[in-house]
Protein backbone atom coordinates (compact mmCIF):
# COMPACT_ATOMS: atom_id res chain seq x y z
CA UNK A 1 24.52 51.17 44.67
CA UNK A 2 21.12 50.46 43.96
CA UNK A 3 19.24 47.79 46.30
CA UNK A 4 15.96 48.36 47.52
CA UNK A 5 17.60 51.89 49.28
CA UNK A 6 19.69 49.49 51.58
CA UNK A 7 23.16 50.47 52.20
CA UNK A 8 26.20 48.77 50.41
CA UNK A 9 27.25 47.32 53.49
CA UNK A 10 24.04 45.53 54.05
CA UNK A 11 23.32 45.03 50.25
CA UNK A 12 26.19 42.67 50.35
CA UNK A 13 25.53 41.09 53.51
CA UNK A 14 22.30 39.67 52.44
CA UNK A 15 23.61 39.00 49.26
CA UNK A 16 26.52 36.72 51.09
CA UNK A 17 23.71 35.40 53.27
CA UNK A 18 21.65 34.23 50.23
CA UNK A 19 24.97 32.85 48.41
CA UNK A 20 25.49 30.64 51.48
CA UNK A 21 22.17 29.45 51.54
CA UNK A 22 22.25 28.38 48.15
CA UNK A 23 25.79 27.20 48.27
CA UNK A 24 25.37 24.47 50.95
CA UNK A 25 21.77 23.65 50.18
CA UNK A 26 22.43 22.94 46.60
CA UNK A 27 20.76 19.01 45.65
CA UNK A 28 21.38 19.51 42.17
CA UNK A 29 23.12 16.51 40.13
CA UNK A 30 25.48 18.80 38.52
CA UNK A 31 27.80 17.53 36.01
CA UNK A 32 31.15 17.03 36.33
CA UNK A 33 31.92 19.51 33.36
CA UNK A 34 29.75 22.02 31.83
CA UNK A 35 30.59 24.56 29.11
CA UNK A 36 28.63 27.97 28.78
CA UNK A 37 25.86 27.98 26.23
CA UNK A 38 27.33 30.17 22.84
CA UNK A 39 24.48 33.22 24.05
CA UNK A 40 25.94 33.23 27.51
CA UNK A 41 29.49 33.41 26.03
CA UNK A 42 28.44 36.18 23.70
CA UNK A 43 26.42 38.06 26.61
CA UNK A 44 29.67 38.21 28.61
CA UNK A 45 31.68 38.77 25.75
CA UNK A 46 29.68 41.90 24.56
CA UNK A 47 28.60 43.23 28.27
CA UNK A 48 29.42 46.67 29.40
CA UNK A 49 29.48 48.79 32.47
CA UNK A 50 26.92 51.07 33.34
CA UNK A 51 27.21 54.70 34.89
CA UNK A 52 24.84 53.76 37.42
CA UNK A 53 25.40 50.46 38.40
CA UNK A 54 23.47 47.21 39.05
CA UNK A 55 21.84 45.87 42.39
CA UNK A 56 24.26 43.28 44.20
CA UNK A 57 21.31 40.81 44.34
CA UNK A 58 20.88 40.45 40.18
CA UNK A 59 24.72 40.57 40.04
CA UNK A 60 25.25 37.71 42.43
CA UNK A 61 22.38 35.82 40.93
CA UNK A 62 23.99 36.53 37.32
CA UNK A 63 27.19 34.83 38.73
CA UNK A 64 25.27 32.05 40.40
CA UNK A 65 23.26 31.15 37.26
CA UNK A 66 25.45 31.69 34.10
CA UNK A 67 29.31 31.72 35.57
CA UNK A 68 29.87 29.00 38.21
CA UNK A 69 27.92 26.17 37.22
CA UNK A 70 29.92 26.16 33.64
CA UNK A 71 33.35 24.66 35.07
CA UNK A 72 34.94 21.57 35.42
CA UNK A 73 34.03 20.99 39.11
CA UNK A 74 37.03 19.73 40.97
CA UNK A 75 34.76 18.92 43.64
CA UNK A 76 32.68 16.22 41.72
CA UNK A 77 32.82 12.75 42.78
CA UNK A 78 33.97 11.79 39.41
CA UNK A 79 36.45 14.71 38.48
CA UNK A 80 39.39 12.69 37.72
CA UNK A 81 41.22 14.62 35.00
CA UNK A 82 43.58 16.82 36.73
CA UNK A 83 45.53 17.03 39.92
CA UNK A 84 44.03 19.77 42.25
CA UNK A 85 41.52 17.96 43.99
CA UNK A 86 38.39 19.31 45.81
CA UNK A 87 38.86 22.06 48.27
CA UNK A 88 37.75 21.44 51.69
CA UNK A 89 35.01 24.02 52.99
CA UNK A 90 37.21 24.48 56.14
CA UNK A 91 39.74 26.12 53.65
CA UNK A 92 36.90 28.18 51.91
CA UNK A 93 36.04 29.55 54.96
CA UNK A 94 39.49 30.59 55.98
CA UNK A 95 39.88 31.98 52.26
CA UNK A 96 36.69 33.88 53.20
CA UNK A 97 37.88 35.33 56.38
CA UNK A 98 41.54 36.11 55.40
CA UNK A 99 39.99 38.39 52.34
CA UNK A 100 37.42 39.94 54.04
CA UNK A 101 40.27 41.47 56.69
CA UNK A 102 42.41 42.00 53.35
CA UNK A 103 45.59 40.50 55.15
CA UNK A 104 48.73 41.97 53.89
CA UNK A 105 51.35 39.57 54.55
CA UNK A 106 54.51 40.53 53.16
CA UNK A 107 56.08 41.37 57.14
CA UNK A 108 55.64 41.06 60.47
CA UNK A 109 54.41 44.56 61.22
CA UNK A 110 51.82 44.35 58.89
CA UNK A 111 50.39 40.92 60.07
CA UNK A 112 51.84 40.14 63.30
CA UNK A 113 49.86 36.69 64.08
CA UNK A 114 49.51 35.79 60.26
CA UNK A 115 52.97 36.07 59.74
CA UNK A 116 53.73 34.03 62.92
CA UNK A 117 51.25 31.50 61.96
CA UNK A 118 52.71 31.20 58.23
CA UNK A 119 56.25 30.46 59.70
CA UNK A 120 54.81 27.94 62.09
CA UNK A 121 53.30 26.13 59.14
CA UNK A 122 56.33 26.40 57.26
CA UNK A 123 58.36 24.72 60.08
CA UNK A 124 56.12 21.85 60.45
CA UNK A 125 56.11 21.17 56.60
CA UNK A 126 59.84 21.40 56.44
CA UNK A 127 59.92 19.13 59.51
CA UNK A 128 57.45 16.57 57.35
CA UNK A 129 60.21 16.86 54.77
CA UNK A 130 63.14 16.26 56.67
CA UNK A 131 64.21 19.54 56.78
CA UNK A 132 65.88 20.91 60.30
CA UNK A 133 67.66 23.66 61.96
CA UNK A 134 67.92 26.35 59.35
CA UNK A 135 64.79 25.20 57.14
CA UNK A 136 62.48 28.17 55.77
CA UNK A 137 60.11 29.09 53.13
CA UNK A 138 57.31 30.98 52.28
CA UNK A 139 53.71 30.58 50.73
CA UNK A 140 53.51 31.24 46.85
CA UNK A 141 50.83 31.20 44.40
CA UNK A 142 51.23 27.55 43.22
CA UNK A 143 53.89 25.31 41.60
CA UNK A 144 55.20 27.48 38.90
CA UNK A 145 55.84 30.31 41.68
CA UNK A 146 57.17 27.59 43.97
CA UNK A 147 59.52 26.07 41.10
CA UNK A 148 60.57 29.57 39.85
CA UNK A 149 61.53 30.34 43.39
CA UNK A 150 63.63 27.05 44.16
CA UNK A 151 65.28 27.24 40.83
CA UNK A 152 66.50 31.06 41.33
CA UNK A 153 68.03 30.16 44.60
CA UNK A 154 69.67 27.18 42.98
CA UNK A 155 71.01 29.32 40.16
CA UNK A 156 72.48 31.80 42.81
CA UNK A 157 73.65 29.55 45.02
CA UNK A 158 75.83 28.10 42.46
CA UNK A 159 76.67 30.53 39.41
CA UNK A 160 78.17 34.11 39.94
CA UNK A 161 77.13 36.97 37.38
CA UNK A 162 80.12 36.41 35.44
CA UNK A 163 79.31 32.42 34.79
CA UNK A 164 75.56 32.37 34.24
CA UNK A 165 75.88 31.36 30.61
CA UNK A 166 78.18 28.45 31.61
CA UNK A 167 75.21 26.91 33.77
CA UNK A 168 73.67 23.56 32.76
CA UNK A 169 70.58 22.48 34.65
CA UNK A 170 69.03 18.67 34.30
CA UNK A 171 65.50 17.54 34.04
CA UNK A 172 63.80 14.61 32.86
CA UNK A 173 61.03 14.49 29.60
CA UNK A 174 58.50 13.92 32.98
CA UNK A 175 58.91 17.06 34.48
CA UNK A 176 56.15 19.72 34.59
CA UNK A 177 56.57 22.23 31.89
CA UNK A 178 56.34 24.93 34.86
CA UNK A 179 60.02 24.18 35.71
CA UNK A 180 60.94 24.73 31.91
CA UNK A 181 59.20 27.90 31.73
CA UNK A 182 60.82 29.25 34.89
CA UNK A 183 64.17 28.38 33.98
CA UNK A 184 63.68 30.41 30.67
CA UNK A 185 62.32 33.26 32.73
CA UNK A 186 65.41 33.37 34.70
CA UNK A 187 67.51 33.62 31.73
CA UNK A 188 68.42 30.27 30.69
CA UNK A 189 68.41 29.42 27.47
CA UNK A 190 67.55 26.16 25.62
CA UNK A 191 71.21 25.04 25.05
CA UNK A 192 71.66 25.03 29.03
CA UNK A 193 68.91 22.79 29.34
CA UNK A 194 69.67 18.90 29.41
CA UNK A 195 66.79 16.48 29.53
CA UNK A 196 67.76 13.20 30.98
CA UNK A 197 65.92 10.14 29.34
CA UNK A 198 63.55 8.12 31.81
CA UNK A 199 63.51 4.41 32.23
CA UNK A 200 60.42 2.16 31.50
CA UNK A 201 59.09 3.47 35.37
CA UNK A 202 59.05 6.95 33.54
CA UNK A 203 61.78 7.64 36.35
CA UNK A 204 64.97 9.77 35.72
CA UNK A 205 67.63 7.47 34.49
CA UNK A 206 70.73 8.57 37.13
CA UNK A 207 73.25 6.86 35.26
CA UNK A 208 72.37 8.87 31.99
CA UNK A 209 72.20 11.93 34.48
CA UNK A 210 76.21 11.13 35.65
CA UNK A 211 77.03 10.88 31.87
CA UNK A 212 75.70 14.10 30.81
CA UNK A 213 77.14 15.73 34.02
CA UNK A 214 80.55 14.54 32.94
CA UNK A 215 80.29 15.34 29.30
CA UNK A 216 79.15 18.75 30.43
CA UNK A 217 82.38 19.22 32.95
CA UNK A 218 84.31 18.39 30.05
CA UNK A 219 83.21 20.78 27.97
CA UNK A 220 84.08 23.51 30.68
CA UNK A 221 80.31 24.43 31.55
CA UNK A 222 79.17 24.19 35.22
CA UNK A 223 76.23 21.95 36.43
CA UNK A 224 74.26 24.04 38.14
CA UNK A 225 70.71 22.61 39.10
CA UNK A 226 68.93 19.05 39.01
CA UNK A 227 65.11 19.32 39.06
CA UNK A 228 64.00 15.68 40.44
CA UNK A 229 60.17 14.78 40.28
CA UNK A 230 58.24 13.50 43.52
CA UNK A 231 54.87 13.11 42.01
CA UNK A 232 54.79 13.75 38.37
CA UNK A 233 51.67 14.84 36.58
CA UNK A 234 51.29 12.12 33.99
CA UNK A 235 51.89 9.44 36.54
CA UNK A 236 52.80 9.90 39.84
CA UNK A 237 55.89 8.59 39.65
CA UNK A 238 58.87 9.64 42.11
CA UNK A 239 62.39 10.07 40.22
CA UNK A 240 65.23 7.98 42.66
CA UNK A 241 65.92 10.73 45.12
CA UNK A 242 68.67 9.07 46.84
CA UNK A 243 70.59 7.94 43.67
CA UNK A 244 69.90 11.73 42.33
CA UNK A 245 71.08 13.36 45.80
CA UNK A 246 74.38 11.09 45.87
CA UNK A 247 75.14 12.71 42.28
CA UNK A 248 73.95 16.31 43.45
CA UNK A 249 76.12 16.07 46.55
CA UNK A 250 79.29 14.56 44.80
CA UNK A 251 79.35 17.40 41.97
CA UNK A 252 78.28 20.32 44.35
CA UNK A 253 74.72 20.53 42.48
CA UNK A 254 71.55 22.23 43.72
CA UNK A 255 69.10 19.53 43.85
CA UNK A 256 65.35 21.19 43.53
CA UNK A 257 62.74 18.62 43.90
CA UNK A 258 59.09 19.49 42.33
CA UNK A 259 56.83 18.03 44.73
CA UNK A 260 53.99 20.08 44.25
CA UNK A 261 51.91 17.11 43.92
CA UNK A 262 53.73 14.13 45.71
CA UNK A 263 54.92 16.12 48.46
CA UNK A 264 51.34 15.44 49.87
CA UNK A 265 52.24 12.04 50.39
CA UNK A 266 54.65 12.59 53.03
CA UNK A 267 51.37 12.68 55.26
CA UNK A 268 50.36 9.00 53.77
CA UNK A 269 50.69 5.99 56.21
CA UNK A 270 51.46 3.52 53.02
CA UNK A 271 52.98 5.80 50.75
CA UNK A 272 55.51 7.96 52.27
CA UNK A 273 58.19 5.38 51.46
CA UNK A 274 58.61 6.36 48.04
CA UNK A 275 59.70 9.80 48.97
CA UNK A 276 62.67 8.54 50.83
CA UNK A 277 65.56 10.86 49.82
CA UNK A 278 63.49 13.90 49.53
CA UNK A 279 65.36 15.38 52.93
CA UNK A 280 68.51 15.53 51.11
CA UNK A 281 67.01 18.02 48.72
CA UNK A 282 67.95 21.76 48.80
CA UNK A 283 64.97 23.04 47.89
CA UNK A 284 61.19 21.50 47.71
CA UNK A 285 58.13 22.86 45.78
CA UNK A 286 54.67 21.99 47.38
CA UNK A 287 51.01 22.57 46.35
CA UNK A 288 48.84 22.70 49.25
CA UNK A 289 45.85 23.31 46.65
CA UNK A 290 46.40 19.87 45.22
CA UNK A 291 46.26 16.80 47.74
CA UNK A 292 46.40 19.35 51.20
CA UNK A 293 42.67 20.38 49.85
CA UNK A 294 43.46 23.88 49.61
CA UNK A 295 41.27 26.23 47.68
CA UNK A 296 43.50 28.48 44.87
CA UNK A 297 46.04 29.69 45.45
CA UNK A 298 48.07 27.79 48.17
CA UNK A 299 51.69 26.59 47.46
CA UNK A 300 54.87 26.68 49.09
CA UNK A 301 58.61 27.15 48.25
CA UNK A 302 60.56 24.93 51.44
CA UNK A 303 64.46 25.13 51.73
CA UNK A 304 66.83 23.40 53.92
CA UNK A 305 68.89 26.79 54.64
CA UNK A 306 66.53 29.59 54.65
CA UNK A 307 69.60 31.76 54.00
CA UNK A 308 69.66 30.89 50.46
CA UNK A 309 66.25 32.75 49.91
CA UNK A 310 67.45 35.77 51.67
CA UNK A 311 70.60 35.66 49.50
CA UNK A 312 68.34 35.78 46.25
CA UNK A 313 65.41 37.79 47.16
CA UNK A 314 66.34 40.01 50.44
CA UNK A 315 66.25 44.13 49.67
CA UNK A 316 65.24 46.79 51.89
CA UNK A 317 64.01 49.82 49.74
CA UNK A 318 63.93 53.41 51.71
CA UNK A 319 60.22 53.13 52.42
CA UNK A 320 60.69 49.83 54.27
CA UNK A 321 63.22 51.29 56.53
CA UNK A 322 60.74 51.32 59.69
CA UNK A 323 59.86 47.82 59.23
CA UNK A 324 60.95 46.31 62.66
CA UNK A 325 59.66 43.80 64.79
CA UNK A 326 59.16 40.20 65.07
CA UNK A 327 61.69 38.26 62.96
CA UNK A 328 59.47 37.16 59.71
CA UNK A 329 59.70 38.92 56.67
CA UNK A 330 58.29 37.16 53.80
CA UNK A 331 58.89 39.56 51.30
CA UNK A 332 62.76 38.82 51.55
CA UNK A 333 62.11 35.15 51.02
CA UNK A 334 60.44 35.32 47.68
CA UNK A 335 59.35 37.23 44.65
CA UNK A 336 56.25 39.06 46.10
CA UNK A 337 55.90 42.14 48.06
CA UNK A 338 52.05 42.43 48.11
CA UNK A 339 50.89 39.15 49.13
CA UNK A 340 47.87 37.69 50.86
CA UNK A 341 47.92 35.73 54.18
CA UNK A 342 47.82 31.99 52.23
CA UNK A 343 48.97 30.17 55.33
CA UNK A 344 45.86 30.86 57.31
CA UNK A 345 43.66 28.53 55.40
CA UNK A 346 45.87 25.83 55.69
CA UNK A 347 46.57 26.47 59.26
CA UNK A 348 42.83 26.66 59.66
CA UNK A 349 42.07 23.19 57.97
CA UNK A 350 45.08 21.51 59.90
CA UNK A 351 43.80 22.73 62.95
CA UNK A 352 40.25 21.49 62.84
CA UNK A 353 40.71 18.29 60.80
CA UNK A 354 43.89 17.34 62.57
CA UNK A 355 46.97 15.12 60.97
CA UNK A 356 45.40 11.91 61.09
CA UNK A 357 42.21 12.92 58.93
CA UNK A 358 45.02 14.80 56.25
CA UNK A 359 46.43 11.11 56.24
CA UNK A 360 43.63 8.98 55.95
CA UNK A 361 42.12 11.45 52.70
CA UNK A 362 45.80 11.13 51.25
CA UNK A 363 45.94 7.31 51.62
CA UNK A 364 42.12 7.17 50.36
CA UNK A 365 42.97 8.51 46.95
CA UNK A 366 45.66 5.67 46.46
CA UNK A 367 43.09 2.93 47.55
CA UNK A 368 40.67 4.56 44.78
CA UNK A 369 43.49 3.99 42.64
CA UNK A 370 44.29 0.46 43.15
CA UNK A 371 40.48 -0.57 42.75
CA UNK A 372 40.49 1.19 39.34
CA UNK A 373 43.68 -0.80 38.48
CA UNK A 374 41.80 -4.34 39.79
CA UNK A 375 38.97 -3.37 38.10
CA UNK A 376 40.54 -2.51 34.94
CA UNK A 377 42.48 -6.15 34.99
CA UNK A 378 38.97 -7.85 34.79
CA UNK A 379 37.92 -6.09 31.56
CA UNK A 380 38.90 -7.34 28.17
CA UNK A 381 41.11 -5.55 25.84
CA UNK A 382 42.13 -2.56 28.55
CA UNK A 383 45.97 -2.17 29.24
CA UNK A 384 47.60 -0.91 32.23
CA UNK A 385 50.07 1.61 30.94
CA UNK A 386 51.34 3.13 34.47
CA UNK A 387 50.41 1.21 37.56
CA UNK A 388 48.46 3.16 40.14
CA UNK A 389 50.83 5.32 41.66
CA UNK A 390 50.42 8.47 44.20
CA UNK A 391 46.29 8.10 43.18
CA UNK A 392 47.10 8.18 39.69
CA UNK A 393 46.64 5.57 36.77
CA UNK A 394 47.08 5.59 33.33
CA UNK A 395 45.60 2.92 30.97
CA UNK A 396 44.25 2.36 27.37
CA UNK A 397 41.73 0.24 25.60
CA UNK A 398 43.94 -1.82 22.87
CA UNK A 399 41.96 -3.78 20.20
CA UNK A 400 43.80 -6.34 19.34
CA UNK A 401 42.81 -5.65 15.46
CA UNK A 402 43.75 -2.04 15.69
CA UNK A 403 46.98 -0.17 14.67
CA UNK A 404 48.64 1.82 17.42
CA UNK A 405 47.16 5.09 15.75
CA UNK A 406 43.65 3.53 15.31
CA UNK A 407 43.89 2.86 18.92
CA UNK A 408 45.18 6.24 19.76
CA UNK A 409 42.30 7.67 18.27
CA UNK A 410 39.63 5.27 19.83
CA UNK A 411 41.13 6.15 23.44
CA UNK A 412 40.98 9.93 22.81
CA UNK A 413 37.32 9.21 21.31
CA UNK A 414 36.22 7.71 24.37
CA UNK A 415 37.66 10.14 27.13
CA UNK A 416 35.96 13.01 24.78
CA UNK A 417 32.51 11.27 24.93
CA UNK A 418 32.73 10.91 28.99
CA UNK A 419 33.52 14.50 29.31
CA UNK A 420 31.22 15.53 26.72
CA UNK A 421 28.46 13.66 28.58
CA UNK A 422 29.15 15.47 31.74
CA UNK A 423 29.31 12.01 33.62
CA UNK A 424 33.13 12.02 34.47
CA UNK A 425 35.92 14.20 33.83
CA UNK A 426 38.62 11.87 32.13
CA UNK A 427 41.29 12.94 29.87
CA UNK A 428 44.00 11.72 28.19
CA UNK A 429 47.92 12.11 27.84
CA UNK A 430 50.58 10.75 26.18
CA UNK A 431 53.11 7.86 27.09
CA UNK A 432 55.22 5.84 25.50
CA UNK A 433 54.38 7.45 22.44
CA UNK A 434 50.40 6.14 22.98
CA UNK A 435 47.17 7.94 23.71
CA UNK A 436 46.53 6.93 27.19
CA UNK A 437 43.74 7.48 29.80
CA UNK A 438 44.44 9.10 32.76
CA UNK A 439 42.38 9.03 36.22
CA UNK A 440 43.67 11.03 39.20
CA UNK A 441 41.43 10.09 42.39
CA UNK A 442 41.90 12.36 44.86
CA UNK A 443 38.40 13.02 46.18
CA UNK A 444 37.77 11.66 49.56
CA UNK A 445 34.10 11.76 48.50
CA UNK A 446 34.66 9.80 45.88
CA UNK A 447 32.96 6.07 46.25
CA UNK A 448 34.04 2.60 44.67
CA UNK A 449 30.90 3.00 42.66
CA UNK A 450 32.31 6.15 41.36
CA UNK A 451 35.43 4.43 39.92
CA UNK A 452 33.49 1.33 38.65
CA UNK A 453 30.79 3.09 36.71
CA UNK A 454 33.57 5.55 35.31
CA UNK A 455 35.41 2.59 33.78
CA UNK A 456 32.32 0.92 32.68
CA UNK A 457 31.36 3.82 31.04
CA UNK A 458 34.54 4.23 29.21
CA UNK A 459 34.15 0.44 28.34
CA UNK A 460 30.60 0.81 26.59
CA UNK A 461 31.98 3.62 25.08
CA UNK A 462 35.18 1.77 23.58
CA UNK A 463 32.49 -1.02 22.16
CA UNK A 464 30.51 1.57 20.84
CA UNK A 465 33.15 3.16 18.91
CA UNK A 466 34.60 -0.74 17.78
CA UNK A 467 30.96 -1.13 16.50
CA UNK A 468 30.47 2.14 14.39
CA UNK A 469 33.58 1.70 12.92
CA UNK A 470 33.13 -1.97 11.94
CA UNK A 471 29.95 -1.25 10.23
């Protein structure tokens, strides 16, 4: 490597120091979202790799100048578009340290302390859910992998290889798309899925659920898994967990709760009650890189009975016969064999901040959403489509003289305008067949002014849109 005759290690060391200095001392007012210029995209699309290499300084500077600035900044105080919130710099530190040591966390013999810490964190999270005794789990890359792992365990618990074609899974129209994808990946077909309608609060209708189960039983099918949502992506809604758990228990059906986002509200001092019944689930997915403020990727699948994961994933190939010592073998609890030690950064963050600070941050997001709803209630022509729940609010500018389709176009336009301006990351979704504006306020650094100024700007864009289309 060419770098002023420095050794590779020394060059990387100096580049790392320069990066850290630039990262922590950046005072630029970066936009919430930036798209790379056409010439930058063309440059990287046509870039080749030289035989002699380049200096680490030049390559790092290229990343800092032309790559990292052109993103949707999740740590921006007005980044309201997506659920993954800003990562704590403590998580960043834990991530850097773990990657530096390149910890292999498949089993105890590879990383005895790291494996013990992961098991300890899993047990603490299981206690927050309300699981005791035989509970267990494993850290995975994200909610998609957590949901996939959970539905595999449910399939294997209820079905045999001979009757898998008879299995039926129940989910709602608000269930995250990763769940449907996971079900197809493991062999379910479209005809084995039942999409249960939701009520006006976007919750699964338990009466319709039971009716569907009874119909499937009468047709000789095997109700296998119910997927309940604890904090939907669209609205933050929690399905009626006790009612669903009653049905699951009555019919002997595996209950998986997708808590990728909402499970973090188990740490809330004001919102935890919405999750009553989650302790009755068989498996729960939970993303730490959403509302536990971790860097990507860091998620967990937690089950009431650890044996259910072992039954689906345990394997001992010949080259692992010498693995012994300790009691933690995470490669037998999930899909991955080679896996990083994802738990360490969450452990570090929890150790330093303490659980009270996590609770404060989770609660603060809900407070911001409630401020947004209050502000909108004072503004003319704005309609609340879903109330502030788990730090998410959906609303819509509803011009009285416009048709539904015209108002749809208006709301899509104003969201695009504010994103294109770089002022805030606010996007739309669809609820009740309407295009609505959605805000998710999970950043502990977001101020009241950030909320109010974003809504005021959206209101200005709406008025400008109406004026332009009235001319």
